[in-house]
C-alpha atoms as a PDB file:
ATOM      1  CA  UNK A   1      -3.334  -6.760  -2.572  1.00  0.00           C
ATOM      2  CA  UNK A   2      -1.081  -9.652  -1.657  1.00  0.00           C
ATOM      3  CA  UNK A   3       1.241  -8.806   1.190  1.00  0.00           C
ATOM      4  CA  UNK A   4       2.794 -10.410   4.243  1.00  0.00           C
ATOM      5  CA  UNK A   5       2.388  -8.848   7.666  1.00  0.00           C
ATOM      6  CA  UNK A   6       6.141  -8.117   7.774  1.00  0.00           C
ATOM      7  CA  UNK A   7       5.899  -6.224   4.482  1.00  0.00           C
ATOM      8  CA  UNK A   8       2.920  -4.330   5.842  1.00  0.00           C
ATOM      9  CA  UNK A   9       4.900  -3.493   8.968  1.00  0.00           C
ATOM     10  CA  UNK A  10       7.805  -2.120   6.900  1.00  0.00           C
ATOM     11  CA  UNK A  11       5.428  -0.087   4.748  1.00  0.00           C
ATOM     12  CA  UNK A  12       3.455   1.418   7.602  1.00  0.00           C
ATOM     13  CA  UNK A  13       6.420   1.908   9.933  1.00  0.00           C
ATOM     14  CA  UNK A  14       4.622  -0.004  12.651  1.00  0.00           C
ATOM     15  CA  UNK A  15       6.485  -1.879  15.353  1.00  0.00           C
ATOM     16  CA  UNK A  16       3.999  -4.728  15.487  1.00  0.00           C
ATOM     17  CA  UNK A  17       1.189  -5.714  13.174  1.00  0.00           C
ATOM     18  CA  UNK A  18       0.444  -9.082  14.757  1.00  0.00           C
ATOM     19  CA  UNK A  19      -3.127  -8.028  15.572  1.00  0.00           C
ATOM     20  CA  UNK A  20      -3.744  -6.378  12.181  1.00  0.00           C
ATOM     21  CA  UNK A  21      -6.059  -9.091  10.884  1.00  0.00           C
ATOM     22  CA  UNK A  22      -8.054  -9.160  14.118  1.00  0.00           C
ATOM     23  CA  UNK A  23      -8.503  -5.373  14.181  1.00  0.00           C
ATOM     24  CA  UNK A  24      -9.530  -5.041  10.550  1.00  0.00           C
ATOM     25  CA  UNK A  25     -11.429  -8.275   9.935  1.00  0.00           C
ATOM     26  CA  UNK A  26     -14.803  -6.499  10.096  1.00  0.00           C
ATOM     27  CA  UNK A  27     -13.713  -3.990   7.430  1.00  0.00           C
ATOM     28  CA  UNK A  28     -11.709  -6.175   5.053  1.00  0.00           C
ATOM     29  CA  UNK A  29     -12.376  -9.463   3.318  1.00  0.00           C
ATOM     30  CA  UNK A  30      -9.187 -11.376   4.236  1.00  0.00           C
ATOM     31  CA  UNK A  31      -8.452 -14.626   2.424  1.00  0.00           C
ATOM     32  CA  UNK A  32      -5.338 -16.790   2.799  1.00  0.00           C
ATOM     33  CA  UNK A  33      -3.109 -17.104  -0.271  1.00  0.00           C
ATOM     34  CA  UNK A  34      -0.305 -19.629  -0.535  1.00  0.00           C
ATOM     35  CA  UNK A  35       2.640 -19.514  -2.918  1.00  0.00           C
ATOM     36  CA  UNK A  36       4.382 -22.762  -3.839  1.00  0.00           C
ATOM     37  CA  UNK A  37       8.005 -21.635  -3.778  1.00  0.00           C
ATOM     38  CA  UNK A  38       9.594 -25.078  -3.815  1.00  0.00           C
ATOM     39  CA  UNK A  39      10.039 -25.317  -0.054  1.00  0.00           C
ATOM     40  CA  UNK A  40       8.291 -27.774   2.223  1.00  0.00           C
ATOM     41  CA  UNK A  41       6.191 -24.987   3.702  1.00  0.00           C
ATOM     42  CA  UNK A  42       4.727 -22.654   1.100  1.00  0.00           C
ATOM     43  CA  UNK A  43       4.851 -18.921   1.721  1.00  0.00           C
ATOM     44  CA  UNK A  44       1.622 -17.735   3.299  1.00  0.00           C
ATOM     45  CA  UNK A  45       0.237 -14.363   2.427  1.00  0.00           C
ATOM     46  CA  UNK A  46      -3.196 -12.840   2.699  1.00  0.00           C
ATOM     47  CA  UNK A  47      -5.343 -11.249   0.060  1.00  0.00           C
ATOM     48  CA  UNK A  48      -7.001  -8.143   1.439  1.00  0.00           C
ATOM     49  CA  UNK A  49     -10.080  -7.051  -0.453  1.00  0.00           C
ATOM     50  CA  UNK A  50     -10.644  -3.423   0.433  1.00  0.00           C
ATOM     51  CA  UNK A  51     -14.334  -2.515   0.223  1.00  0.00           C
ATOM     52  CA  UNK A  52     -15.613   0.105  -2.205  1.00  0.00           C
ATOM     53  CA  UNK A  53     -15.467   3.719  -1.109  1.00  0.00           C
ATOM     54  CA  UNK A  54     -18.514   5.052   0.668  1.00  0.00           C
ATOM     55  CA  UNK A  55     -20.383   8.104  -0.560  1.00  0.00           C
ATOM     56  CA  UNK A  56     -19.194  10.276   2.310  1.00  0.00           C
ATOM     57  CA  UNK A  57     -15.449   9.760   2.280  1.00  0.00           C
ATOM     58  CA  UNK A  58     -12.301  11.755   1.693  1.00  0.00           C
ATOM     59  CA  UNK A  59      -9.162  10.908  -0.225  1.00  0.00           C
ATOM     60  CA  UNK A  60      -5.914  12.065   1.343  1.00  0.00           C
ATOM     61  CA  UNK A  61      -2.680  12.453  -0.602  1.00  0.00           C
ATOM     62  CA  UNK A  62       0.338  10.379   0.368  1.00  0.00           C
ATOM     63  CA  UNK A  63       2.112  13.726   0.952  1.00  0.00           C
ATOM     64  CA  UNK A  64       0.182  13.915   4.213  1.00  0.00           C
ATOM     65  CA  UNK A  65       2.252  10.979   5.519  1.00  0.00           C
ATOM     66  CA  UNK A  66       5.425  13.038   5.004  1.00  0.00           C
ATOM     67  CA  UNK A  67       4.301  15.759   7.410  1.00  0.00           C
ATOM     68  CA  UNK A  68       6.101  15.225  10.691  1.00  0.00           C
ATOM     69  CA  UNK A  69       3.352  15.216  13.280  1.00  0.00           C
ATOM     70  CA  UNK A  70       2.270  12.738  15.914  1.00  0.00           C
ATOM     71  CA  UNK A  71      -0.245  10.167  14.651  1.00  0.00           C
ATOM     72  CA  UNK A  72      -2.888  11.413  17.108  1.00  0.00           C
ATOM     73  CA  UNK A  73      -2.589  14.950  15.743  1.00  0.00           C
ATOM     74  CA  UNK A  74      -2.847  13.676  12.161  1.00  0.00           C
ATOM     75  CA  UNK A  75      -5.924  11.709  13.166  1.00  0.00           C
ATOM     76  CA  UNK A  76      -7.409  14.860  14.687  1.00  0.00           C
ATOM     77  CA  UNK A  77      -6.760  16.717  11.422  1.00  0.00           C
ATOM     78  CA  UNK A  78      -8.490  13.953   9.459  1.00  0.00           C
ATOM     79  CA  UNK A  79     -11.465  14.248  11.820  1.00  0.00           C
ATOM     80  CA  UNK A  80     -11.520  17.999  11.149  1.00  0.00           C
ATOM     81  CA  UNK A  81     -11.478  17.331   7.402  1.00  0.00           C
ATOM     82  CA  UNK A  82     -14.433  14.962   7.734  1.00  0.00           C
ATOM     83  CA  UNK A  83     -16.336  17.449   9.900  1.00  0.00           C
ATOM     84  CA  UNK A  84     -15.708  20.223   7.393  1.00  0.00           C
ATOM     85  CA  UNK A  85     -16.950  18.056   4.513  1.00  0.00           C
ATOM     86  CA  UNK A  86     -19.868  16.182   6.074  1.00  0.00           C
ATOM     87  CA  UNK A  87     -20.411  17.435   9.636  1.00  0.00           C
ATOM     88  CA  UNK A  88     -22.843  20.239   8.794  1.00  0.00           C
ATOM     89  CA  UNK A  89     -21.481  22.253  11.708  1.00  0.00           C
ATOM     90  CA  UNK A  90     -19.533  25.468  11.970  1.00  0.00           C
ATOM     91  CA  UNK A  91     -15.882  24.709  12.782  1.00  0.00           C
ATOM     92  CA  UNK A  92     -15.684  26.552  16.077  1.00  0.00           C
ATOM     93  CA  UNK A  93     -14.012  25.203  19.194  1.00  0.00           C
ATOM     94  CA  UNK A  94     -17.246  24.378  21.046  1.00  0.00           C
ATOM     95  CA  UNK A  95     -18.762  22.444  18.122  1.00  0.00           C
ATOM     96  CA  UNK A  96     -15.563  20.531  17.372  1.00  0.00           C
ATOM     97  CA  UNK A  97     -15.056  19.502  21.003  1.00  0.00           C
ATOM     98  CA  UNK A  98     -18.652  18.282  21.199  1.00  0.00           C
ATOM     99  CA  UNK A  99     -18.517  16.407  17.869  1.00  0.00           C
ATOM    100  CA  UNK A 100     -15.157  14.704  18.431  1.00  0.00           C
ATOM    101  CA  UNK A 101     -15.616  14.319  22.205  1.00  0.00           C
ATOM    102  CA  UNK A 102     -12.213  15.536  23.345  1.00  0.00           C
ATOM    103  CA  UNK A 103     -11.320  17.825  26.218  1.00  0.00           C
ATOM    104  CA  UNK A 104     -10.355  21.493  25.818  1.00  0.00           C
ATOM    105  CA  UNK A 105      -6.681  21.010  26.721  1.00  0.00           C
ATOM    106  CA  UNK A 106      -6.230  18.288  24.101  1.00  0.00           C
ATOM    107  CA  UNK A 107      -8.029  20.411  21.512  1.00  0.00           C
ATOM    108  CA  UNK A 108      -5.772  23.393  22.234  1.00  0.00           C
ATOM    109  CA  UNK A 109      -2.636  21.228  22.106  1.00  0.00           C
ATOM    110  CA  UNK A 110      -3.611  19.673  18.763  1.00  0.00           C
ATOM    111  CA  UNK A 111      -4.664  22.974  17.189  1.00  0.00           C
ATOM    112  CA  UNK A 112      -1.359  24.607  18.150  1.00  0.00           C
ATOM    113  CA  UNK A 113       0.566  21.701  16.577  1.00  0.00           C
ATOM    114  CA  UNK A 114      -1.554  21.870  13.411  1.00  0.00           C
ATOM    115  CA  UNK A 115      -1.092  25.641  13.202  1.00  0.00           C
ATOM    116  CA  UNK A 116       2.672  25.158  13.576  1.00  0.00           C
ATOM    117  CA  UNK A 117       2.581  22.761  10.609  1.00  0.00           C
ATOM    118  CA  UNK A 118       0.554  25.331   8.571  1.00  0.00           C
ATOM    119  CA  UNK A 119      -2.458  23.012   8.329  1.00  0.00           C
ATOM    120  CA  UNK A 120      -4.921  25.278  10.151  1.00  0.00           C
ATOM    121  CA  UNK A 121      -5.392  28.942  10.828  1.00  0.00           C
ATOM    122  CA  UNK A 122      -6.693  29.738  14.273  1.00  0.00           C
ATOM    123  CA  UNK A 123      -9.620  31.881  13.246  1.00  0.00           C
ATOM    124  CA  UNK A 124     -13.301  31.750  14.057  1.00  0.00           C
ATOM    125  CA  UNK A 125     -14.434  29.590  12.376  1.00  0.00           C
ATOM    126  CA  UNK A 126     -11.340  27.420  11.975  1.00  0.00           C
ATOM    127  CA  UNK A 127      -9.675  27.496   8.538  1.00  0.00           C
ATOM    128  CA  UNK A 128      -8.166  24.257   7.204  1.00  0.00           C
ATOM    129  CA  UNK A 129      -5.395  24.308   4.595  1.00  0.00           C
ATOM    130  CA  UNK A 130      -5.874  21.230   2.463  1.00  0.00           C
ATOM    131  CA  UNK A 131      -4.004  22.071  -0.741  1.00  0.00           C
ATOM    132  CA  UNK A 132      -2.016  19.008  -1.905  1.00  0.00           C
ATOM    133  CA  UNK A 133      -3.512  17.005   0.987  1.00  0.00           C
ATOM    134  CA  UNK A 134      -7.217  16.598   0.287  1.00  0.00           C
ATOM    135  CA  UNK A 135      -7.787  15.060  -3.145  1.00  0.00           C
ATOM    136  CA  UNK A 136     -10.941  14.656  -5.185  1.00  0.00           C
ATOM    137  CA  UNK A 137     -12.668  11.310  -4.725  1.00  0.00           C
ATOM    138  CA  UNK A 138     -12.415   9.245  -7.881  1.00  0.00           C
ATOM    139  CA  UNK A 139     -14.981   6.471  -7.750  1.00  0.00           C
ATOM    140  CA  UNK A 140     -14.269   5.434 -11.357  1.00  0.00           C
ATOM    141  CA  UNK A 141     -10.992   3.729 -10.439  1.00  0.00           C
ATOM    142  CA  UNK A 142     -12.627   1.310  -8.038  1.00  0.00           C
ATOM    143  CA  UNK A 143     -12.298  -2.224  -9.274  1.00  0.00           C
ATOM    144  CA  UNK A 144     -14.849  -4.907  -8.793  1.00  0.00           C
ATOM    145  CA  UNK A 145     -13.439  -8.181  -7.528  1.00  0.00           C
ATOM    146  CA  UNK A 146     -12.967 -10.603 -10.371  1.00  0.00           C
ATOM    147  CA  UNK A 147     -14.406 -14.064  -9.712  1.00  0.00           C
ATOM    148  CA  UNK A 148     -11.618 -15.467 -11.889  1.00  0.00           C
ATOM    149  CA  UNK A 149      -8.971 -14.284  -9.408  1.00  0.00           C
ATOM    150  CA  UNK A 150     -10.947 -15.496  -6.406  1.00  0.00           C
ATOM    151  CA  UNK A 151     -11.034 -19.005  -7.839  1.00  0.00           C
ATOM    152  CA  UNK A 152      -7.218 -19.119  -7.938  1.00  0.00           C
ATOM    153  CA  UNK A 153      -6.962 -18.878  -4.157  1.00  0.00           C
ATOM    154  CA  UNK A 154      -5.800 -22.145  -2.629  1.00  0.00           C
ATOM    155  CA  UNK A 155      -6.492 -23.418   0.843  1.00  0.00           C
ATOM    156  CA  UNK A 156      -4.871 -25.879   3.243  1.00  0.00           C
ATOM    157  CA  UNK A 157      -6.977 -28.474   5.024  1.00  0.00           C
ATOM    158  CA  UNK A 158      -6.543 -29.639   8.628  1.00  0.00           C
ATOM    159  CA  UNK A 159      -3.896 -32.208   7.568  1.00  0.00           C
ATOM    160  CA  UNK A 160      -1.747 -29.583   5.819  1.00  0.00           C
ATOM    161  CA  UNK A 161      -2.713 -30.672   2.300  1.00  0.00           C
ATOM    162  CA  UNK A 162      -3.108 -27.975  -0.334  1.00  0.00           C
ATOM    163  CA  UNK A 163      -6.597 -27.766  -1.825  1.00  0.00           C
ATOM    164  CA  UNK A 164      -6.781 -26.134  -5.265  1.00  0.00           C
ATOM    165  CA  UNK A 165     -10.293 -25.061  -6.237  1.00  0.00           C
ATOM    166  CA  UNK A 166     -11.603 -26.357  -9.569  1.00  0.00           C
END
């Protein structure tokens, strides 16, 4: 995708995304992309190549973003989803605390919030409600990076000159 950091900030609701590239550089292939818009300084964007999905992954609906919970609690729920799918453990308090490495008070706080949002049922073992949240993984829609598009990426040398690959 081609996007500026400001656009990414507006999309994600983040206050600052200045360290985005540094945090995600090991996961994403980030290449500079320059648009000649007629100004002296061309608009700089980045092309983020998101790697192919792994075998053990989950796909979450964008409806999950609309649920009003703290980001830490949503992250905890995602961890519970992953444990339920691939953890090979029974979802009881002791096992979850050991697997995620959180303390009992934090676990209780998060579970109460998730129960209040109707995402879990406090039973033994824990019951997760994932309807309209957890989607089927669709590996067929993954696109392989076209070498034709990669060749259209331009670069700027140390003197500020635009280099267009041949």
